[in-house]
Amino acid sequence: MSNSKPLPNDGQLTMIRQLLTFSAGTMSASEQTELYNSIPDWQREYWRLLSGGVRDILTLFLKGSIDEETCWSQIYSALELE
């Protein structure tokens, strides 16, 4: 994966959803297997490809500083989807 071009928003949203479902322990075993088979270090690679602003929002959510609704609202705002 290259960081030379910005990722499309739908790709970023998929990556964010996958990171959050994995972190919450709600990702299906088949999806985990598929990701590990395609990109063995997918969590690190996804994290690297996301903007610093999105990473900050995810960190706040994962640490319990913001709720899920606020997390997604801020992500949509950061991706200029509102």
PDB file of N, CA and C in Angstrom:
ATOM      1  N   MET A   1       0.843  -1.188   0.000  1.00  0.00           N
ATOM      2  CA  MET A   1       0.000   0.000   0.000  1.00  0.00           C
ATOM      3  C   MET A   1       0.882   1.243   0.000  1.00  0.00           C
ATOM      4  N   SER A   2       0.516   2.180  -0.802  1.00  0.00           N
ATOM      5  CA  SER A   2       1.322   3.383  -0.923  1.00  0.00           C
ATOM      6  C   SER A   2       0.594   4.564  -0.313  1.00  0.00           C
ATOM      7  N   ASN A   3       1.344   5.479   0.251  1.00  0.00           N
ATOM      8  CA  ASN A   3       0.755   6.665   0.856  1.00  0.00           C
ATOM      9  C   ASN A   3       0.916   7.862  -0.064  1.00  0.00           C
ATOM     10  N   SER A   4       1.181   7.635  -1.365  1.00  0.00           N
ATOM     11  CA  SER A   4       1.437   8.737  -2.279  1.00  0.00           C
ATOM     12  C   SER A   4       0.159   9.469  -2.678  1.00  0.00           C
ATOM     13  N   LYS A   5      -0.969   8.766  -2.762  1.00  0.00           N
ATOM     14  CA  LYS A   5      -2.247   9.401  -3.100  1.00  0.00           C
ATOM     15  C   LYS A   5      -3.180   9.279  -1.906  1.00  0.00           C
ATOM     16  N   PRO A   6      -4.011  10.302  -1.666  1.00  0.00           N
ATOM     17  CA  PRO A   6      -4.971  10.183  -0.573  1.00  0.00           C
ATOM     18  C   PRO A   6      -5.927   9.011  -0.835  1.00  0.00           C
ATOM     19  N   LEU A   7      -6.277   8.329   0.219  1.00  0.00           N
ATOM     20  CA  LEU A   7      -7.238   7.230   0.097  1.00  0.00           C
ATOM     21  C   LEU A   7      -8.626   7.788  -0.132  1.00  0.00           C
ATOM     22  N   PRO A   8      -9.439   7.123  -0.942  1.00  0.00           N
ATOM     23  CA  PRO A   8     -10.832   7.568  -1.087  1.00  0.00           C
ATOM     24  C   PRO A   8     -11.555   7.415   0.254  1.00  0.00           C
ATOM     25  N   ASN A   9     -12.534   8.279   0.474  1.00  0.00           N
ATOM     26  CA  ASN A   9     -13.247   8.267   1.746  1.00  0.00           C
ATOM     27  C   ASN A   9     -13.890   6.924   2.046  1.00  0.00           C
ATOM     28  N   ASP A  10     -14.457   6.250   1.037  1.00  0.00           N
ATOM     29  CA  ASP A  10     -15.098   4.969   1.312  1.00  0.00           C
ATOM     30  C   ASP A  10     -14.067   3.943   1.779  1.00  0.00           C
ATOM     31  N   GLY A  11     -12.866   4.011   1.234  1.00  0.00           N
ATOM     32  CA  GLY A  11     -11.792   3.126   1.682  1.00  0.00           C
ATOM     33  C   GLY A  11     -11.373   3.426   3.110  1.00  0.00           C
ATOM     34  N   GLN A  12     -11.266   4.707   3.429  1.00  0.00           N
ATOM     35  CA  GLN A  12     -10.912   5.091   4.794  1.00  0.00           C
ATOM     36  C   GLN A  12     -11.988   4.652   5.779  1.00  0.00           C
ATOM     37  N   LEU A  13     -13.260   4.820   5.420  1.00  0.00           N
ATOM     38  CA  LEU A  13     -14.344   4.425   6.315  1.00  0.00           C
ATOM     39  C   LEU A  13     -14.329   2.917   6.557  1.00  0.00           C
ATOM     40  N   THR A  14     -14.047   2.138   5.532  1.00  0.00           N
ATOM     41  CA  THR A  14     -13.942   0.688   5.689  1.00  0.00           C
ATOM     42  C   THR A  14     -12.796   0.336   6.632  1.00  0.00           C
ATOM     43  N   MET A  15     -11.654   0.974   6.437  1.00  0.00           N
ATOM     44  CA  MET A  15     -10.503   0.723   7.297  1.00  0.00           C
ATOM     45  C   MET A  15     -10.807   1.092   8.744  1.00  0.00           C
ATOM     46  N   ILE A  16     -11.450   2.223   8.953  1.00  0.00           N
ATOM     47  CA  ILE A  16     -11.799   2.671  10.303  1.00  0.00           C
ATOM     48  C   ILE A  16     -12.768   1.679  10.949  1.00  0.00           C
ATOM     49  N   ARG A  17     -13.790   1.272  10.201  1.00  0.00           N
ATOM     50  CA  ARG A  17     -14.753   0.308  10.743  1.00  0.00           C
ATOM     51  C   ARG A  17     -14.048  -0.983  11.130  1.00  0.00           C
ATOM     52  N   GLN A  18     -13.133  -1.458  10.273  1.00  0.00           N
ATOM     53  CA  GLN A  18     -12.415  -2.693  10.570  1.00  0.00           C
ATOM     54  C   GLN A  18     -11.528  -2.545  11.805  1.00  0.00           C
ATOM     55  N   LEU A  19     -10.833  -1.434  11.931  1.00  0.00           N
ATOM     56  CA  LEU A  19     -10.012  -1.213  13.120  1.00  0.00           C
ATOM     57  C   LEU A  19     -10.871  -1.192  14.382  1.00  0.00           C
ATOM     58  N   LEU A  20     -12.018  -0.516  14.314  1.00  0.00           N
ATOM     59  CA  LEU A  20     -12.873  -0.406  15.499  1.00  0.00           C
ATOM     60  C   LEU A  20     -13.536  -1.739  15.858  1.00  0.00           C
ATOM     61  N   THR A  21     -13.998  -2.473  14.851  1.00  0.00           N
ATOM     62  CA  THR A  21     -14.626  -3.757  15.178  1.00  0.00           C
ATOM     63  C   THR A  21     -13.588  -4.748  15.709  1.00  0.00           C
ATOM     64  N   PHE A  22     -12.375  -4.708  15.174  1.00  0.00           N
ATOM     65  CA  PHE A  22     -11.306  -5.565  15.678  1.00  0.00           C
ATOM     66  C   PHE A  22     -10.975  -5.190  17.122  1.00  0.00           C
ATOM     67  N   SER A  23     -10.838  -3.890  17.395  1.00  0.00           N
ATOM     68  CA  SER A  23     -10.495  -3.420  18.738  1.00  0.00           C
ATOM     69  C   SER A  23     -11.576  -3.761  19.756  1.00  0.00           C
ATOM     70  N   ALA A  24     -12.824  -3.749  19.303  1.00  0.00           N
ATOM     71  CA  ALA A  24     -13.942  -4.061  20.197  1.00  0.00           C
ATOM     72  C   ALA A  24     -14.166  -5.566  20.341  1.00  0.00           C
ATOM     73  N   GLY A  25     -13.466  -6.358  19.545  1.00  0.00           N
ATOM     74  CA  GLY A  25     -13.636  -7.805  19.599  1.00  0.00           C
ATOM     75  C   GLY A  25     -14.890  -8.294  18.899  1.00  0.00           C
ATOM     76  N   THR A  26     -15.439  -7.468  17.989  1.00  0.00           N
ATOM     77  CA  THR A  26     -16.681  -7.840  17.304  1.00  0.00           C
ATOM     78  C   THR A  26     -16.475  -8.187  15.837  1.00  0.00           C
ATOM     79  N   MET A  27     -15.236  -8.208  15.388  1.00  0.00           N
ATOM     80  CA  MET A  27     -14.961  -8.574  13.997  1.00  0.00           C
ATOM     81  C   MET A  27     -15.103 -10.091  13.852  1.00  0.00           C
ATOM     82  N   SER A  28     -15.735 -10.504  12.769  1.00  0.00           N
ATOM     83  CA  SER A  28     -15.909 -11.942  12.533  1.00  0.00           C
ATOM     84  C   SER A  28     -14.557 -12.613  12.301  1.00  0.00           C
ATOM     85  N   ALA A  29     -14.500 -13.882  12.654  1.00  0.00           N
ATOM     86  CA  ALA A  29     -13.266 -14.647  12.461  1.00  0.00           C
ATOM     87  C   ALA A  29     -12.899 -14.708  10.982  1.00  0.00           C
ATOM     88  N   SER A  30     -13.894 -14.828  10.116  1.00  0.00           N
ATOM     89  CA  SER A  30     -13.604 -14.906   8.679  1.00  0.00           C
ATOM     90  C   SER A  30     -13.011 -13.591   8.164  1.00  0.00           C
ATOM     91  N   GLU A  31     -13.521 -12.458   8.646  1.00  0.00           N
ATOM     92  CA  GLU A  31     -12.968 -11.170   8.214  1.00  0.00           C
ATOM     93  C   GLU A  31     -11.536 -11.006   8.738  1.00  0.00           C
ATOM     94  N   GLN A  32     -11.294 -11.425   9.992  1.00  0.00           N
ATOM     95  CA  GLN A  32      -9.939 -11.356  10.540  1.00  0.00           C
ATOM     96  C   GLN A  32      -8.971 -12.198   9.708  1.00  0.00           C
ATOM     97  N   THR A  33      -9.387 -13.404   9.381  1.00  0.00           N
ATOM     98  CA  THR A  33      -8.544 -14.306   8.595  1.00  0.00           C
ATOM     99  C   THR A  33      -8.249 -13.710   7.228  1.00  0.00           C
ATOM    100  N   GLU A  34      -9.286 -13.164   6.597  1.00  0.00           N
ATOM    101  CA  GLU A  34      -9.117 -12.557   5.275  1.00  0.00           C
ATOM    102  C   GLU A  34      -8.118 -11.399   5.330  1.00  0.00           C
ATOM    103  N   LEU A  35      -8.253 -10.550   6.349  1.00  0.00           N
ATOM    104  CA  LEU A  35      -7.332  -9.419   6.478  1.00  0.00           C
ATOM    105  C   LEU A  35      -5.907  -9.884   6.739  1.00  0.00           C
ATOM    106  N   TYR A  36      -5.736 -10.821   7.673  1.00  0.00           N
ATOM    107  CA  TYR A  36      -4.390 -11.323   7.977  1.00  0.00           C
ATOM    108  C   TYR A  36      -3.760 -11.996   6.764  1.00  0.00           C
ATOM    109  N   ASN A  37      -4.567 -12.686   5.968  1.00  0.00           N
ATOM    110  CA  ASN A  37      -4.035 -13.342   4.772  1.00  0.00           C
ATOM    111  C   ASN A  37      -3.636 -12.339   3.700  1.00  0.00           C
ATOM    112  N   SER A  38      -4.393 -11.226   3.574  1.00  0.00           N
ATOM    113  CA  SER A  38      -4.065 -10.231   2.545  1.00  0.00           C
ATOM    114  C   SER A  38      -2.961  -9.284   2.991  1.00  0.00           C
ATOM    115  N   ILE A  39      -3.011  -8.858   4.251  1.00  0.00           N
ATOM    116  CA  ILE A  39      -2.028  -7.904   4.783  1.00  0.00           C
ATOM    117  C   ILE A  39      -1.690  -8.376   6.203  1.00  0.00           C
ATOM    118  N   PRO A  40      -0.637  -9.173   6.350  1.00  0.00           N
ATOM    119  CA  PRO A  40      -0.339  -9.752   7.667  1.00  0.00           C
ATOM    120  C   PRO A  40      -0.295  -8.740   8.818  1.00  0.00           C
ATOM    121  N   ASP A  41       0.189  -7.541   8.567  1.00  0.00           N
ATOM    122  CA  ASP A  41       0.282  -6.512   9.615  1.00  0.00           C
ATOM    123  C   ASP A  41      -0.749  -5.411   9.343  1.00  0.00           C
ATOM    124  N   TRP A  42      -1.987  -5.820   9.044  1.00  0.00           N
ATOM    125  CA  TRP A  42      -2.989  -4.871   8.552  1.00  0.00           C
ATOM    126  C   TRP A  42      -3.293  -3.751   9.528  1.00  0.00           C
ATOM    127  N   GLN A  43      -3.341  -4.008  10.845  1.00  0.00           N
ATOM    128  CA  GLN A  43      -3.674  -2.926  11.789  1.00  0.00           C
ATOM    129  C   GLN A  43      -2.637  -1.806  11.718  1.00  0.00           C
ATOM    130  N   ARG A  44      -1.378  -2.172  11.717  1.00  0.00           N
ATOM    131  CA  ARG A  44      -0.294  -1.169  11.647  1.00  0.00           C
ATOM    132  C   ARG A  44      -0.335  -0.430  10.302  1.00  0.00           C
ATOM    133  N   GLU A  45      -0.559  -1.178   9.225  1.00  0.00           N
ATOM    134  CA  GLU A  45      -0.604  -0.569   7.891  1.00  0.00           C
ATOM    135  C   GLU A  45      -1.789   0.391   7.773  1.00  0.00           C
ATOM    136  N   TYR A  46      -2.964  -0.021   8.248  1.00  0.00           N
ATOM    137  CA  TYR A  46      -4.137   0.853   8.223  1.00  0.00           C
ATOM    138  C   TYR A  46      -3.858   2.118   9.026  1.00  0.00           C
ATOM    139  N   TRP A  47      -3.331   1.942  10.238  1.00  0.00           N
ATOM    140  CA  TRP A  47      -3.068   3.082  11.119  1.00  0.00           C
ATOM    141  C   TRP A  47      -2.126   4.068  10.434  1.00  0.00           C
ATOM    142  N   ARG A  48      -1.101   3.546   9.777  1.00  0.00           N
ATOM    143  CA  ARG A  48      -0.129   4.392   9.088  1.00  0.00           C
ATOM    144  C   ARG A  48      -0.781   5.202   7.966  1.00  0.00           C
ATOM    145  N   LEU A  49      -1.750   4.615   7.293  1.00  0.00           N
ATOM    146  CA  LEU A  49      -2.373   5.266   6.138  1.00  0.00           C
ATOM    147  C   LEU A  49      -3.425   6.310   6.511  1.00  0.00           C
ATOM    148  N   LEU A  50      -3.962   6.226   7.726  1.00  0.00           N
ATOM    149  CA  LEU A  50      -4.980   7.200   8.139  1.00  0.00           C
ATOM    150  C   LEU A  50      -4.315   8.521   8.522  1.00  0.00           C
ATOM    151  N   SER A  51      -5.045   9.614   8.348  1.00  0.00           N
ATOM    152  CA  SER A  51      -4.507  10.930   8.711  1.00  0.00           C
ATOM    153  C   SER A  51      -4.333  11.026  10.228  1.00  0.00           C
ATOM    154  N   GLY A  52      -3.453  11.920  10.625  1.00  0.00           N
ATOM    155  CA  GLY A  52      -3.225  12.144  12.052  1.00  0.00           C
ATOM    156  C   GLY A  52      -4.487  12.541  12.787  1.00  0.00           C
ATOM    157  N   GLY A  53      -5.324  13.338  12.140  1.00  0.00           N
ATOM    158  CA  GLY A  53      -6.574  13.764  12.775  1.00  0.00           C
ATOM    159  C   GLY A  53      -7.503  12.593  13.046  1.00  0.00           C
ATOM    160  N   VAL A  54      -7.624  11.690  12.084  1.00  0.00           N
ATOM    161  CA  VAL A  54      -8.470  10.505  12.260  1.00  0.00           C
ATOM    162  C   VAL A  54      -7.869   9.602  13.333  1.00  0.00           C
ATOM    163  N   ARG A  55      -6.560   9.436  13.323  1.00  0.00           N
ATOM    164  CA  ARG A  55      -5.907   8.618  14.360  1.00  0.00           C
ATOM    165  C   ARG A  55      -6.172   9.188  15.744  1.00  0.00           C
ATOM    166  N   ASP A  56      -6.118  10.518  15.868  1.00  0.00           N
ATOM    167  CA  ASP A  56      -6.388  11.160  17.163  1.00  0.00           C
ATOM    168  C   ASP A  56      -7.812  10.866  17.637  1.00  0.00           C
ATOM    169  N   ILE A  57      -8.770  10.941  16.718  1.00  0.00           N
ATOM    170  CA  ILE A  57     -10.167  10.664  17.063  1.00  0.00           C
ATOM    171  C   ILE A  57     -10.318   9.213  17.512  1.00  0.00           C
ATOM    172  N   LEU A  58      -9.734   8.294  16.769  1.00  0.00           N
ATOM    173  CA  LEU A  58      -9.812   6.877  17.130  1.00  0.00           C
ATOM    174  C   LEU A  58      -9.167   6.623  18.482  1.00  0.00           C
ATOM    175  N   THR A  59      -8.048   7.269  18.749  1.00  0.00           N
ATOM    176  CA  THR A  59      -7.377   7.113  20.041  1.00  0.00           C
ATOM    177  C   THR A  59      -8.282   7.576  21.177  1.00  0.00           C
ATOM    178  N   LEU A  60      -8.918   8.721  21.001  1.00  0.00           N
ATOM    179  CA  LEU A  60      -9.840   9.225  22.033  1.00  0.00           C
ATOM    180  C   LEU A  60     -10.968   8.224  22.284  1.00  0.00           C
ATOM    181  N   PHE A  61     -11.525   7.675  21.214  1.00  0.00           N
ATOM    182  CA  PHE A  61     -12.617   6.715  21.357  1.00  0.00           C
ATOM    183  C   PHE A  61     -12.129   5.442  22.057  1.00  0.00           C
ATOM    184  N   LEU A  62     -11.006   4.903  21.600  1.00  0.00           N
ATOM    185  CA  LEU A  62     -10.500   3.652  22.167  1.00  0.00           C
ATOM    186  C   LEU A  62     -10.089   3.803  23.628  1.00  0.00           C
ATOM    187  N   LYS A  63      -9.712   5.007  24.038  1.00  0.00           N
ATOM    188  CA  LYS A  63      -9.369   5.266  25.444  1.00  0.00           C
ATOM    189  C   LYS A  63     -10.598   5.590  26.281  1.00  0.00           C
ATOM    190  N   GLY A  64     -11.782   5.685  25.626  1.00  0.00           N
ATOM    191  CA  GLY A  64     -13.019   5.971  26.359  1.00  0.00           C
ATOM    192  C   GLY A  64     -13.254   7.440  26.622  1.00  0.00           C
ATOM    193  N   SER A  65     -12.501   8.312  25.966  1.00  0.00           N
ATOM    194  CA  SER A  65     -12.660   9.751  26.186  1.00  0.00           C
ATOM    195  C   SER A  65     -13.857  10.332  25.436  1.00  0.00           C
ATOM    196  N   ILE A  66     -14.280   9.678  24.343  1.00  0.00           N
ATOM    197  CA  ILE A  66     -15.470  10.099  23.603  1.00  0.00           C
ATOM    198  C   ILE A  66     -16.315   8.857  23.316  1.00  0.00           C
ATOM    199  N   ASP A  67     -17.616   9.061  23.109  1.00  0.00           N
ATOM    200  CA  ASP A  67     -18.492   7.926  22.810  1.00  0.00           C
ATOM    201  C   ASP A  67     -18.498   7.634  21.303  1.00  0.00           C
ATOM    202  N   GLU A  68     -19.155   6.544  20.937  1.00  0.00           N
ATOM    203  CA  GLU A  68     -19.147   6.107  19.538  1.00  0.00           C
ATOM    204  C   GLU A  68     -19.790   7.133  18.613  1.00  0.00           C
ATOM    205  N   GLU A  69     -20.887   7.733  19.040  1.00  0.00           N
ATOM    206  CA  GLU A  69     -21.567   8.731  18.202  1.00  0.00           C
ATOM    207  C   GLU A  69     -20.649   9.927  17.932  1.00  0.00           C
ATOM    208  N   THR A  70     -19.984  10.403  18.967  1.00  0.00           N
ATOM    209  CA  THR A  70     -19.055  11.525  18.809  1.00  0.00           C
ATOM    210  C   THR A  70     -17.888  11.125  17.919  1.00  0.00           C
ATOM    211  N   CYS A  71     -17.393   9.911  18.109  1.00  0.00           N
ATOM    212  CA  CYS A  71     -16.284   9.408  17.292  1.00  0.00           C
ATOM    213  C   CYS A  71     -16.649   9.471  15.813  1.00  0.00           C
ATOM    214  N   TRP A  72     -17.778   8.883  15.441  1.00  0.00           N
ATOM    215  CA  TRP A  72     -18.169   8.858  14.030  1.00  0.00           C
ATOM    216  C   TRP A  72     -18.474  10.255  13.503  1.00  0.00           C
ATOM    217  N   SER A  73     -19.087  11.092  14.315  1.00  0.00           N
ATOM    218  CA  SER A  73     -19.369  12.463  13.890  1.00  0.00           C
ATOM    219  C   SER A  73     -18.068  13.197  13.577  1.00  0.00           C
ATOM    220  N   GLN A  74     -17.072  13.032  14.442  1.00  0.00           N
ATOM    221  CA  GLN A  74     -15.786  13.697  14.228  1.00  0.00           C
ATOM    222  C   GLN A  74     -15.040  13.109  13.034  1.00  0.00           C
ATOM    223  N   ILE A  75     -15.172  11.796  12.826  1.00  0.00           N
ATOM    224  CA  ILE A  75     -14.530  11.167  11.666  1.00  0.00           C
ATOM    225  C   ILE A  75     -15.141  11.713  10.379  1.00  0.00           C
ATOM    226  N   TYR A  76     -16.474  11.767  10.330  1.00  0.00           N
ATOM    227  CA  TYR A  76     -17.132  12.301   9.128  1.00  0.00           C
ATOM    228  C   TYR A  76     -16.718  13.753   8.890  1.00  0.00           C
ATOM    229  N   SER A  77     -16.587  14.508   9.953  1.00  0.00           N
ATOM    230  CA  SER A  77     -16.156  15.900   9.829  1.00  0.00           C
ATOM    231  C   SER A  77     -14.714  15.969   9.327  1.00  0.00           C
ATOM    232  N   ALA A  78     -13.837  15.136   9.885  1.00  0.00           N
ATOM    233  CA  ALA A  78     -12.425  15.125   9.480  1.00  0.00           C
ATOM    234  C   ALA A  78     -12.277  14.719   8.006  1.00  0.00           C
ATOM    235  N   LEU A  79     -13.157  13.846   7.546  1.00  0.00           N
ATOM    236  CA  LEU A  79     -13.114  13.412   6.146  1.00  0.00           C
ATOM    237  C   LEU A  79     -13.944  14.329   5.238  1.00  0.00           C
ATOM    238  N   GLU A  80     -14.486  15.383   5.848  1.00  0.00           N
ATOM    239  CA  GLU A  80     -15.315  16.361   5.126  1.00  0.00           C
ATOM    240  C   GLU A  80     -16.489  15.704   4.434  1.00  0.00           C
ATOM    241  N   LEU A  81     -17.185  14.838   5.180  1.00  0.00           N
ATOM    242  CA  LEU A  81     -18.357  14.145   4.635  1.00  0.00           C
ATOM    243  C   LEU A  81     -19.652  14.719   5.145  1.00  0.00           C
ATOM    244  N   GLU A  82     -19.588  15.739   5.999  1.00  0.00           N
ATOM    245  CA  GLU A  82     -20.813  16.346   6.526  1.00  0.00           C
ATOM    246  C   GLU A  82     -21.289  17.441   5.606  1.00  0.00           C
TER     247      GLU A  82
END
